[in-house]
Amino acid sequence: MKCIFLMLLVITFSANAIIIRHDTSDEDYKKLAKRDNSTVTFYGLDKGAEIVAGTGSIIADKWIVTAAHVANYLSKGGKVQFKDSFYTIDKVVRHPLWKDQQLPNDIALVKLSSAIENSTIAKLNDLPNEASKIATFVGRGFGGYGRP
């Protein structure tokens, strides 16, 4: 686990905006999400109210990688949803150089109290020459439509 954490801290991410494609229906996105077995939804607190804080990817038995700006709303004992089941957060670890709402170092790890059943661990893409390739992310968040 220490190796995975170190690797995540060292990796530099380069990406363009994440958008919803104008030529893809909402139904197609929902079908893709139902087939996905490596993404969870985090619930957190904002001004005392429960919110959907964001999503994360399962990377090990009890570990999830997410954005540090999502982790800002998470704490020990918090709620994580996978399909129809709920799990409890044991620990939240933000990148040590993360500064609120700034993109560099916007990464965090979340440890659960128990392993998620019937899930798939997300695979690390270690293929060379992946710059400028299209990647598909399954999750939720704020974004825009890819209209010209």
C-alpha atoms as a PDB file:
ATOM      1  CA  MET A   1       0.000   0.000   0.000  1.00  0.00           C
ATOM      2  CA  LYS A   2       2.863   2.411   0.772  1.00  0.00           C
ATOM      3  CA  CYS A   3       4.149   1.828  -2.760  1.00  0.00           C
ATOM      4  CA  ILE A   4       0.787   2.752  -4.293  1.00  0.00           C
ATOM      5  CA  PHE A   5       0.527   5.876  -2.134  1.00  0.00           C
ATOM      6  CA  LEU A   6       4.051   6.972  -3.048  1.00  0.00           C
ATOM      7  CA  MET A   7       3.356   6.354  -6.726  1.00  0.00           C
ATOM      8  CA  LEU A   8       0.205   8.462  -6.559  1.00  0.00           C
ATOM      9  CA  LEU A   9       2.051  11.290  -4.852  1.00  0.00           C
ATOM     10  CA  VAL A  10       4.783  11.307  -7.489  1.00  0.00           C
ATOM     11  CA  ILE A  11       2.629  11.042 -10.620  1.00  0.00           C
ATOM     12  CA  THR A  12       2.005  14.316 -12.409  1.00  0.00           C
ATOM     13  CA  PHE A  13      -1.374  14.559 -14.047  1.00  0.00           C
ATOM     14  CA  SER A  14      -1.970  16.438 -17.281  1.00  0.00           C
ATOM     15  CA  ALA A  15      -5.541  16.708 -18.471  1.00  0.00           C
ATOM     16  CA  ASN A  16      -7.949  18.954 -20.261  1.00  0.00           C
ATOM     17  CA  ALA A  17     -11.447  19.753 -19.082  1.00  0.00           C
ATOM     18  CA  ILE A  18     -13.790  16.898 -18.247  1.00  0.00           C
ATOM     19  CA  ILE A  19     -17.054  17.372 -20.082  1.00  0.00           C
ATOM     20  CA  ILE A  20     -20.267  15.653 -21.046  1.00  0.00           C
ATOM     21  CA  ARG A  21     -20.304  15.020 -24.766  1.00  0.00           C
ATOM     22  CA  HIS A  22     -23.089  16.764 -26.682  1.00  0.00           C
ATOM     23  CA  ASP A  23     -23.468  13.762 -28.996  1.00  0.00           C
ATOM     24  CA  THR A  24     -23.955  11.182 -26.206  1.00  0.00           C
ATOM     25  CA  SER A  25     -27.277  10.747 -24.406  1.00  0.00           C
ATOM     26  CA  ASP A  26     -27.650  10.775 -20.622  1.00  0.00           C
ATOM     27  CA  GLU A  27     -28.990   7.215 -20.914  1.00  0.00           C
ATOM     28  CA  ASP A  28     -25.681   6.062 -22.453  1.00  0.00           C
ATOM     29  CA  TYR A  29     -23.785   7.549 -19.504  1.00  0.00           C
ATOM     30  CA  LYS A  30     -26.117   5.828 -17.038  1.00  0.00           C
ATOM     31  CA  LYS A  31     -25.590   2.464 -18.767  1.00  0.00           C
ATOM     32  CA  LEU A  32     -21.815   2.940 -18.579  1.00  0.00           C
ATOM     33  CA  ALA A  33     -22.044   3.764 -14.868  1.00  0.00           C
ATOM     34  CA  LYS A  34     -24.105   0.637 -14.143  1.00  0.00           C
ATOM     35  CA  ARG A  35     -21.442  -1.583 -15.746  1.00  0.00           C
ATOM     36  CA  ASP A  36     -18.641   0.053 -13.738  1.00  0.00           C
ATOM     37  CA  ASN A  37     -17.468  -1.931 -10.677  1.00  0.00           C
ATOM     38  CA  SER A  38     -14.577   0.226  -9.507  1.00  0.00           C
ATOM     39  CA  THR A  39     -16.200   3.584  -8.688  1.00  0.00           C
ATOM     40  CA  VAL A  40     -17.726   4.674  -5.370  1.00  0.00           C
ATOM     41  CA  THR A  41     -19.728   7.723  -4.297  1.00  0.00           C
ATOM     42  CA  PHE A  42     -18.669   9.700  -1.230  1.00  0.00           C
ATOM     43  CA  TYR A  43     -21.132  11.470   1.054  1.00  0.00           C
ATOM     44  CA  GLY A  44     -19.841  14.311   3.172  1.00  0.00           C
ATOM     45  CA  LEU A  45     -20.951  17.286   5.207  1.00  0.00           C
ATOM     46  CA  ASP A  46     -21.116  20.882   4.036  1.00  0.00           C
ATOM     47  CA  LYS A  47     -22.422  23.466   6.508  1.00  0.00           C
ATOM     48  CA  GLY A  48     -24.035  20.648   8.510  1.00  0.00           C
ATOM     49  CA  ALA A  49     -25.945  19.155   5.567  1.00  0.00           C
ATOM     50  CA  GLU A  50     -25.172  15.818   3.908  1.00  0.00           C
ATOM     51  CA  ILE A  51     -24.005  16.207   0.308  1.00  0.00           C
ATOM     52  CA  VAL A  52     -22.657  14.006  -2.453  1.00  0.00           C
ATOM     53  CA  ALA A  53     -19.019  15.040  -2.186  1.00  0.00           C
ATOM     54  CA  GLY A  54     -17.787  13.208  -5.285  1.00  0.00           C
ATOM     55  CA  THR A  55     -16.503   9.865  -6.477  1.00  0.00           C
ATOM     56  CA  GLY A  56     -13.376   7.752  -6.243  1.00  0.00           C
ATOM     57  CA  SER A  57     -11.773   4.667  -7.768  1.00  0.00           C
ATOM     58  CA  ILE A  58     -11.103   1.459  -5.845  1.00  0.00           C
ATOM     59  CA  ILE A  59      -7.340   0.796  -6.037  1.00  0.00           C
ATOM     60  CA  ALA A  60      -6.846  -1.879  -3.356  1.00  0.00           C
ATOM     61  CA  ASP A  61      -8.843  -4.014  -0.932  1.00  0.00           C
ATOM     62  CA  LYS A  62      -9.874  -1.135   1.345  1.00  0.00           C
ATOM     63  CA  TRP A  63      -8.355   1.842  -0.495  1.00  0.00           C
ATOM     64  CA  ILE A  64      -9.894   4.435  -2.820  1.00  0.00           C
ATOM     65  CA  VAL A  65      -8.170   7.240  -4.701  1.00  0.00           C
ATOM     66  CA  THR A  66     -10.065  10.504  -5.160  1.00  0.00           C
ATOM     67  CA  ALA A  67      -9.426  14.225  -5.518  1.00  0.00           C
ATOM     68  CA  ALA A  68      -8.275  16.149  -2.445  1.00  0.00           C
ATOM     69  CA  HIS A  69     -11.041  18.698  -3.051  1.00  0.00           C
ATOM     70  CA  VAL A  70     -13.522  15.819  -2.602  1.00  0.00           C
ATOM     71  CA  ALA A  71     -11.684  14.620   0.519  1.00  0.00           C
ATOM     72  CA  ASN A  72     -12.182  18.063   2.083  1.00  0.00           C
ATOM     73  CA  TYR A  73     -15.752  16.957   2.849  1.00  0.00           C
ATOM     74  CA  LEU A  74     -14.807  13.501   4.167  1.00  0.00           C
ATOM     75  CA  SER A  75     -13.889  12.323   7.650  1.00  0.00           C
ATOM     76  CA  LYS A  76     -13.533   9.139   9.685  1.00  0.00           C
ATOM     77  CA  GLY A  77     -16.920   7.499  10.085  1.00  0.00           C
ATOM     78  CA  GLY A  78     -18.206   9.057   6.853  1.00  0.00           C
ATOM     79  CA  LYS A  79     -20.358   7.239   4.318  1.00  0.00           C
ATOM     80  CA  VAL A  80     -19.283   5.635   1.020  1.00  0.00           C
ATOM     81  CA  GLN A  81     -21.725   4.046  -1.425  1.00  0.00           C
ATOM     82  CA  PHE A  82     -20.943   1.232  -3.870  1.00  0.00           C
ATOM     83  CA  LYS A  83     -23.974   0.138  -5.896  1.00  0.00           C
ATOM     84  CA  ASP A  84     -26.690  -0.385  -3.222  1.00  0.00           C
ATOM     85  CA  SER A  85     -24.331  -0.933  -0.256  1.00  0.00           C
ATOM     86  CA  PHE A  86     -22.770   1.540   2.162  1.00  0.00           C
ATOM     87  CA  TYR A  87     -19.317   1.418   3.787  1.00  0.00           C
ATOM     88  CA  THR A  88     -17.575   3.454   6.477  1.00  0.00           C
ATOM     89  CA  ILE A  89     -14.473   5.636   6.112  1.00  0.00           C
ATOM     90  CA  ASP A  90     -11.622   4.677   8.431  1.00  0.00           C
ATOM     91  CA  LYS A  91      -9.021   7.242   7.324  1.00  0.00           C
ATOM     92  CA  VAL A  92      -8.588  10.151   4.870  1.00  0.00           C
ATOM     93  CA  VAL A  93      -5.083  11.003   3.598  1.00  0.00           C
ATOM     94  CA  ARG A  94      -4.670  14.139   1.478  1.00  0.00           C
ATOM     95  CA  HIS A  95      -1.497  14.898  -0.476  1.00  0.00           C
ATOM     96  CA  PRO A  96       0.761  16.761   1.981  1.00  0.00           C
ATOM     97  CA  LEU A  97       1.199  19.707  -0.417  1.00  0.00           C
ATOM     98  CA  TRP A  98      -2.518  20.087  -1.226  1.00  0.00           C
ATOM     99  CA  LYS A  99      -3.863  23.616  -0.895  1.00  0.00           C
ATOM    100  CA  ASP A 100      -7.619  24.123  -0.967  1.00  0.00           C
ATOM    101  CA  GLN A 101      -9.076  24.588  -4.456  1.00  0.00           C
ATOM    102  CA  GLN A 102      -5.725  24.524  -6.259  1.00  0.00           C
ATOM    103  CA  LEU A 103      -5.076  21.855  -8.869  1.00  0.00           C
ATOM    104  CA  PRO A 104      -1.500  20.858  -8.091  1.00  0.00           C
ATOM    105  CA  ASN A 105      -1.495  17.889  -5.707  1.00  0.00           C
ATOM    106  CA  ASP A 106      -5.288  17.519  -5.836  1.00  0.00           C
ATOM    107  CA  ILE A 107      -5.208  13.847  -4.838  1.00  0.00           C
ATOM    108  CA  ALA A 108      -6.176  11.866  -1.745  1.00  0.00           C
ATOM    109  CA  LEU A 109      -6.502   8.310  -0.486  1.00  0.00           C
ATOM    110  CA  VAL A 110      -9.434   7.035   1.548  1.00  0.00           C
ATOM    111  CA  LYS A 111      -9.199   3.866   3.637  1.00  0.00           C
ATOM    112  CA  LEU A 112     -12.403   2.004   4.420  1.00  0.00           C
ATOM    113  CA  SER A 113     -13.196   0.054   7.572  1.00  0.00           C
ATOM    114  CA  SER A 114     -14.001  -3.026   5.461  1.00  0.00           C
ATOM    115  CA  ALA A 115     -13.381  -4.211   1.918  1.00  0.00           C
ATOM    116  CA  ILE A 116     -16.008  -3.528  -0.732  1.00  0.00           C
ATOM    117  CA  GLU A 117     -17.687  -6.738  -1.842  1.00  0.00           C
ATOM    118  CA  ASN A 118     -18.035  -7.684  -5.532  1.00  0.00           C
ATOM    119  CA  SER A 119     -15.912  -4.762  -6.721  1.00  0.00           C
ATOM    120  CA  THR A 120     -13.133  -4.543  -9.281  1.00  0.00           C
ATOM    121  CA  ILE A 121      -9.827  -2.866  -8.475  1.00  0.00           C
ATOM    122  CA  ALA A 122      -9.104  -0.156 -11.037  1.00  0.00           C
ATOM    123  CA  LYS A 123      -6.060  -0.942 -13.137  1.00  0.00           C
ATOM    124  CA  LEU A 124      -3.153   1.456 -13.528  1.00  0.00           C
ATOM    125  CA  ASN A 125      -2.515   2.299 -17.162  1.00  0.00           C
ATOM    126  CA  ASP A 126       1.227   1.971 -17.664  1.00  0.00           C
ATOM    127  CA  LEU A 127       1.234   2.009 -21.453  1.00  0.00           C
ATOM    128  CA  PRO A 128       3.755   4.330 -23.113  1.00  0.00           C
ATOM    129  CA  ASN A 129       2.764   7.221 -25.365  1.00  0.00           C
ATOM    130  CA  GLU A 130      -0.650   7.899 -23.832  1.00  0.00           C
ATOM    131  CA  ALA A 131      -0.358  11.682 -24.135  1.00  0.00           C
ATOM    132  CA  SER A 132      -3.206  13.246 -26.134  1.00  0.00           C
ATOM    133  CA  LYS A 133      -5.302  10.054 -26.001  1.00  0.00           C
ATOM    134  CA  ILE A 134      -8.965  10.133 -25.006  1.00  0.00           C
ATOM    135  CA  ALA A 135      -9.774   8.662 -21.579  1.00  0.00           C
ATOM    136  CA  THR A 136     -13.216   7.818 -20.195  1.00  0.00           C
ATOM    137  CA  PHE A 137     -13.989   8.615 -16.562  1.00  0.00           C
ATOM    138  CA  VAL A 138     -17.069   7.362 -14.745  1.00  0.00           C
ATOM    139  CA  GLY A 139     -18.145   9.560 -11.892  1.00  0.00           C
ATOM    140  CA  ARG A 140     -20.002  12.687 -11.040  1.00  0.00           C
ATOM    141  CA  GLY A 141     -19.165  16.287 -10.520  1.00  0.00           C
ATOM    142  CA  PHE A 142     -19.485  19.709 -12.005  1.00  0.00           C
ATOM    143  CA  GLY A 143     -18.698  20.215 -15.650  1.00  0.00           C
ATOM    144  CA  GLY A 144     -20.079  21.427 -18.903  1.00  0.00           C
ATOM    145  CA  TYR A 145     -21.412  20.150 -22.180  1.00  0.00           C
ATOM    146  CA  GLY A 146     -19.064  19.593 -25.097  1.00  0.00           C
ATOM    147  CA  ARG A 147     -21.011  21.821 -27.436  1.00  0.00           C
ATOM    148  CA  PRO A 148     -19.000  23.692 -30.062  1.00  0.00           C
END
